[in-house]
C-alpha atoms as a PDB file:
ATOM      1  CA  MET A   1      59.943 137.706 -54.051  1.00  0.00           C
ATOM      2  CA  ILE A   2      58.409 135.758 -51.213  1.00  0.00           C
ATOM      3  CA  GLU A   3      57.082 138.995 -49.645  1.00  0.00           C
ATOM      4  CA  ASN A   4      54.437 139.044 -52.376  1.00  0.00           C
ATOM      5  CA  PHE A   5      52.917 135.829 -51.023  1.00  0.00           C
ATOM      6  CA  ILE A   6      51.992 136.819 -47.448  1.00  0.00           C
ATOM      7  CA  ASP A   7      48.683 135.144 -46.509  1.00  0.00           C
ATOM      8  CA  ARG A   8      48.897 132.977 -49.641  1.00  0.00           C
ATOM      9  CA  THR A   9      49.580 129.273 -50.056  1.00  0.00           C
ATOM     10  CA  VAL A  10      52.691 128.442 -52.043  1.00  0.00           C
ATOM     11  CA  GLN A  11      54.848 125.472 -52.850  1.00  0.00           C
ATOM     12  CA  ILE A  12      58.554 125.952 -52.263  1.00  0.00           C
ATOM     13  CA  ILE A  13      61.631 123.993 -53.166  1.00  0.00           C
ATOM     14  CA  TYR A  14      63.827 124.231 -50.095  1.00  0.00           C
ATOM     15  CA  ASN A  15      67.468 123.383 -49.384  1.00  0.00           C
ATOM     16  CA  ASP A  16      67.747 122.781 -45.619  1.00  0.00           C
ATOM     17  CA  HIS A  17      70.808 123.194 -43.366  1.00  0.00           C
ATOM     18  CA  LYS A  18      71.817 119.569 -44.091  1.00  0.00           C
ATOM     19  CA  ARG A  19      71.631 120.291 -47.842  1.00  0.00           C
ATOM     20  CA  ASN A  20      68.548 118.105 -48.276  1.00  0.00           C
ATOM     21  CA  ILE A  21      66.239 119.416 -50.984  1.00  0.00           C
ATOM     22  CA  SER A  22      62.508 119.068 -50.392  1.00  0.00           C
ATOM     23  CA  ILE A  23      59.205 120.382 -51.687  1.00  0.00           C
ATOM     24  CA  GLN A  24      57.005 122.010 -49.032  1.00  0.00           C
ATOM     25  CA  THR A  25      53.505 123.446 -49.241  1.00  0.00           C
ATOM     26  CA  ILE A  26      53.226 126.433 -46.907  1.00  0.00           C
ATOM     27  CA  LEU A  27      50.942 129.305 -45.946  1.00  0.00           C
ATOM     28  CA  VAL A  28      53.199 132.362 -45.679  1.00  0.00           C
ATOM     29  CA  ARG A  29      52.431 134.231 -42.426  1.00  0.00           C
ATOM     30  CA  SER A  30      55.197 136.862 -42.390  1.00  0.00           C
ATOM     31  CA  VAL A  31      58.536 137.712 -43.959  1.00  0.00           C
ATOM     32  CA  GLY A  32      61.429 139.527 -42.277  1.00  0.00           C
ATOM     33  CA  ASP A  33      65.048 139.296 -41.158  1.00  0.00           C
ATOM     34  CA  GLY A  34      65.824 136.852 -43.957  1.00  0.00           C
ATOM     35  CA  ARG A  35      63.181 134.387 -42.773  1.00  0.00           C
ATOM     36  CA  VAL A  36      59.704 133.248 -43.667  1.00  0.00           C
ATOM     37  CA  LYS A  37      57.310 132.349 -40.859  1.00  0.00           C
ATOM     38  CA  ALA A  38      54.727 129.952 -42.206  1.00  0.00           C
ATOM     39  CA  HIS A  39      52.301 127.172 -41.523  1.00  0.00           C
ATOM     40  CA  CYS A  40      53.762 124.130 -43.243  1.00  0.00           C
ATOM     41  CA  TYR A  41      51.019 121.880 -44.588  1.00  0.00           C
ATOM     42  CA  THR A  42      53.602 119.201 -45.347  1.00  0.00           C
ATOM     43  CA  ALA A  43      54.547 118.929 -41.645  1.00  0.00           C
ATOM     44  CA  ASN A  44      51.179 120.220 -40.376  1.00  0.00           C
ATOM     45  CA  ALA A  45      53.038 122.587 -38.051  1.00  0.00           C
ATOM     46  CA  PRO A  46      54.447 126.122 -37.867  1.00  0.00           C
ATOM     47  CA  ARG A  47      57.877 126.458 -39.449  1.00  0.00           C
ATOM     48  CA  ILE A  48      60.508 129.093 -40.139  1.00  0.00           C
ATOM     49  CA  PHE A  49      62.337 128.960 -43.465  1.00  0.00           C
ATOM     50  CA  THR A  50      65.531 130.836 -44.372  1.00  0.00           C
ATOM     51  CA  ILE A  51      64.882 132.898 -47.500  1.00  0.00           C
ATOM     52  CA  ALA A  52      68.379 132.233 -48.868  1.00  0.00           C
ATOM     53  CA  ASN A  53      67.609 128.493 -48.840  1.00  0.00           C
ATOM     54  CA  ILE A  54      64.407 128.795 -50.875  1.00  0.00           C
ATOM     55  CA  ILE A  55      65.254 127.693 -54.406  1.00  0.00           C
ATOM     56  CA  ASP A  56      61.866 128.354 -56.009  1.00  0.00           C
ATOM     57  CA  VAL A  57      58.351 129.531 -55.076  1.00  0.00           C
ATOM     58  CA  GLU A  58      55.131 128.768 -56.921  1.00  0.00           C
ATOM     59  CA  LEU A  59      51.675 130.024 -55.993  1.00  0.00           C
ATOM     60  CA  ILE A  60      49.143 127.284 -55.369  1.00  0.00           C
ATOM     61  CA  LYS A  61      45.994 128.174 -57.270  1.00  0.00           C
ATOM     62  CA  GLN A  62      43.027 128.367 -54.944  1.00  0.00           C
ATOM     63  CA  HIS A  63      39.573 127.583 -56.226  1.00  0.00           C
ATOM     64  CA  ALA A  64      36.800 130.102 -55.670  1.00  0.00           C
END
């Protein structure tokens, strides 16, 4: 569940509204109303992702 990754950096596989599949690295800011508000490192900009379109989520290991 993406809610478990708030304030964490994850990599997602995402199927956008045009049915293009991409891999995005994001910092999850908040989750609600079927959406994820995040900072997208791939685009270097804030983005909103639809939870239903997220195919997979993987935590990016952060070094101490």
